Amino acid sequence: MRVLTASELAWVSGGNSCGPEGSWLSNFIPQSWGGVSFTTACGNHDEAYRRGSGVSRGAADQQFLNEMLSAAGSNLIAITGAYLYYGIVSLFGGLFYEGDQPAASWPVSTASRNSAA
């Protein structure tokens, strides 16, 4: 049996889209603004927020903004959406950020579970 990678797990769980990963809110958050897709930027941001990524929250959020602005070009609607999403992750991203946590080791051995008890 093969263990799924973090990216594969994100795909299976509906991650790598705009909005909180695995949340019902993601169904209501636009993936694009003014015809410009932010899905790639959102996916990269999700990866940077994942446990064990080693990317600081500030760096992840700044890269997110940079990628969205790059995709937006001169499209004012998309630029507005980029700054809106950046503001939202700046305010609420701390609830979901785990990049500075050590990566989980799977599967957890029985010995590890017993020593934690």
Protein backbone atom coordinates (compact mmCIF):
# COMPACT_ATOMS: atom_id res chain seq x y z
CA MET A 1 0.00 0.00 0.00
CA ARG A 2 1.34 3.44 -0.98
CA VAL A 3 1.21 6.47 1.34
CA LEU A 4 -0.15 9.60 -0.34
CA THR A 5 1.98 12.73 -0.53
CA ALA A 6 0.73 16.02 0.94
CA SER A 7 -0.14 17.27 -2.55
CA GLU A 8 -2.12 14.12 -3.32
CA LEU A 9 -3.94 14.40 0.00
CA ALA A 10 -4.78 18.03 -0.76
CA TRP A 11 -6.19 17.01 -4.15
CA VAL A 12 -8.29 14.22 -2.62
CA SER A 13 -9.55 16.48 0.17
CA GLY A 14 -10.40 19.31 -2.21
CA GLY A 15 -7.40 21.44 -1.19
CA ASN A 16 -5.39 23.74 -3.38
CA SER A 17 -8.22 26.10 -4.11
CA CYS A 18 -9.03 29.57 -2.87
CA GLY A 19 -10.48 29.55 0.62
CA PRO A 20 -9.79 27.54 3.77
CA GLU A 21 -8.66 24.07 2.76
CA GLY A 22 -11.36 21.46 3.33
CA SER A 23 -13.88 24.09 4.46
CA TRP A 24 -17.39 24.55 3.08
CA LEU A 25 -16.41 28.21 2.60
CA SER A 26 -14.20 27.23 -0.34
CA ASN A 27 -17.35 26.47 -2.32
CA PHE A 28 -18.40 30.12 -2.09
CA ILE A 29 -15.06 31.87 -2.62
CA PRO A 30 -14.34 32.83 -6.24
CA GLN A 31 -11.34 31.14 -7.85
CA SER A 32 -10.94 34.06 -10.24
CA TRP A 33 -11.54 37.79 -10.41
CA GLY A 34 -12.21 39.68 -13.62
CA GLY A 35 -11.55 36.53 -15.62
CA VAL A 36 -8.11 36.01 -14.01
CA SER A 37 -7.68 32.68 -12.20
CA PHE A 38 -6.02 32.73 -8.79
CA THR A 39 -6.20 28.94 -8.36
CA THR A 40 -2.44 28.41 -8.84
CA ALA A 41 -1.56 31.18 -6.38
CA CYS A 42 -4.07 29.76 -3.87
CA GLY A 43 -2.65 26.26 -4.30
CA ASN A 44 0.91 27.48 -3.75
CA HIS A 45 -0.26 29.40 -0.68
CA ASP A 46 -1.93 26.25 0.67
CA GLU A 47 1.33 24.33 0.18
CA ALA A 48 3.32 27.00 2.03
CA TYR A 49 0.84 26.90 4.95
CA ARG A 50 1.08 23.09 5.20
CA ARG A 51 2.73 21.51 8.22
CA GLY A 52 6.46 21.12 7.69
CA SER A 53 6.77 23.47 4.69
CA GLY A 54 9.38 25.57 6.50
CA VAL A 55 8.01 28.73 4.85
CA SER A 56 7.26 31.60 7.21
CA ARG A 57 3.70 32.88 7.25
CA GLY A 58 4.81 36.37 6.17
CA ALA A 59 6.80 35.01 3.23
CA ALA A 60 3.89 32.76 2.21
CA ASP A 61 1.42 35.65 2.29
CA GLN A 62 3.75 38.00 0.38
CA GLN A 63 4.39 35.35 -2.30
CA PHE A 64 0.61 34.82 -2.53
CA LEU A 65 0.09 38.53 -3.22
CA ASN A 66 2.97 38.63 -5.72
CA GLU A 67 1.61 35.64 -7.66
CA MET A 68 -1.91 37.07 -7.78
CA LEU A 69 -0.67 40.50 -8.91
CA SER A 70 1.47 38.86 -11.56
CA ALA A 71 -1.54 36.94 -12.85
CA ALA A 72 -3.72 40.07 -12.68
CA GLY A 73 -1.47 42.17 -14.90
CA SER A 74 -3.33 45.46 -15.47
CA ASN A 75 -6.80 44.02 -14.81
CA LEU A 76 -8.18 46.33 -12.10
CA ILE A 77 -10.85 43.89 -10.97
CA ALA A 78 -8.25 41.15 -10.52
CA ILE A 79 -5.88 43.55 -8.72
CA THR A 80 -8.71 44.45 -6.34
CA GLY A 81 -9.38 40.75 -5.72
CA ALA A 82 -5.67 40.11 -5.08
CA TYR A 83 -5.50 42.80 -2.42
CA LEU A 84 -8.77 41.60 -0.90
CA TYR A 85 -7.50 38.01 -0.62
CA TYR A 86 -4.16 39.23 0.74
CA GLY A 87 -5.96 41.26 3.40
CA ILE A 88 -8.07 38.28 4.39
CA VAL A 89 -5.07 35.93 4.77
CA SER A 90 -3.20 38.64 6.68
CA LEU A 91 -6.07 38.88 9.17
CA PHE A 92 -7.21 35.26 9.42
CA GLY A 93 -4.41 33.09 7.98
CA GLY A 94 -2.92 32.48 11.41
CA LEU A 95 -5.85 30.20 12.15
CA PHE A 96 -4.66 27.82 9.42
CA TYR A 97 -0.89 28.28 9.22
CA GLU A 98 1.18 25.21 10.18
CA GLY A 99 4.29 25.72 8.05
CA ASP A 100 6.57 26.11 11.06
CA GLN A 101 5.38 22.84 12.63
CA PRO A 102 7.43 19.69 12.01
CA ALA A 103 6.10 17.43 9.28
CA ALA A 104 4.04 14.54 10.57
CA SER A 105 5.61 11.13 10.32
CA TRP A 106 3.13 8.62 8.90
CA PRO A 107 2.17 6.05 9.77
CA VAL A 108 2.50 6.63 13.50
CA SER A 109 4.00 3.57 15.16
CA THR A 110 2.28 1.86 18.07
CA ALA A 111 5.33 2.62 20.26
CA SER A 112 4.97 6.36 19.59
CA ARG A 113 1.31 6.30 20.47
CA ASN A 114 1.91 4.33 23.67
CA SER A 115 4.71 6.65 24.84
CA ALA A 116 2.45 9.68 24.38
CA ALA A 117 -0.18 8.21 26.72
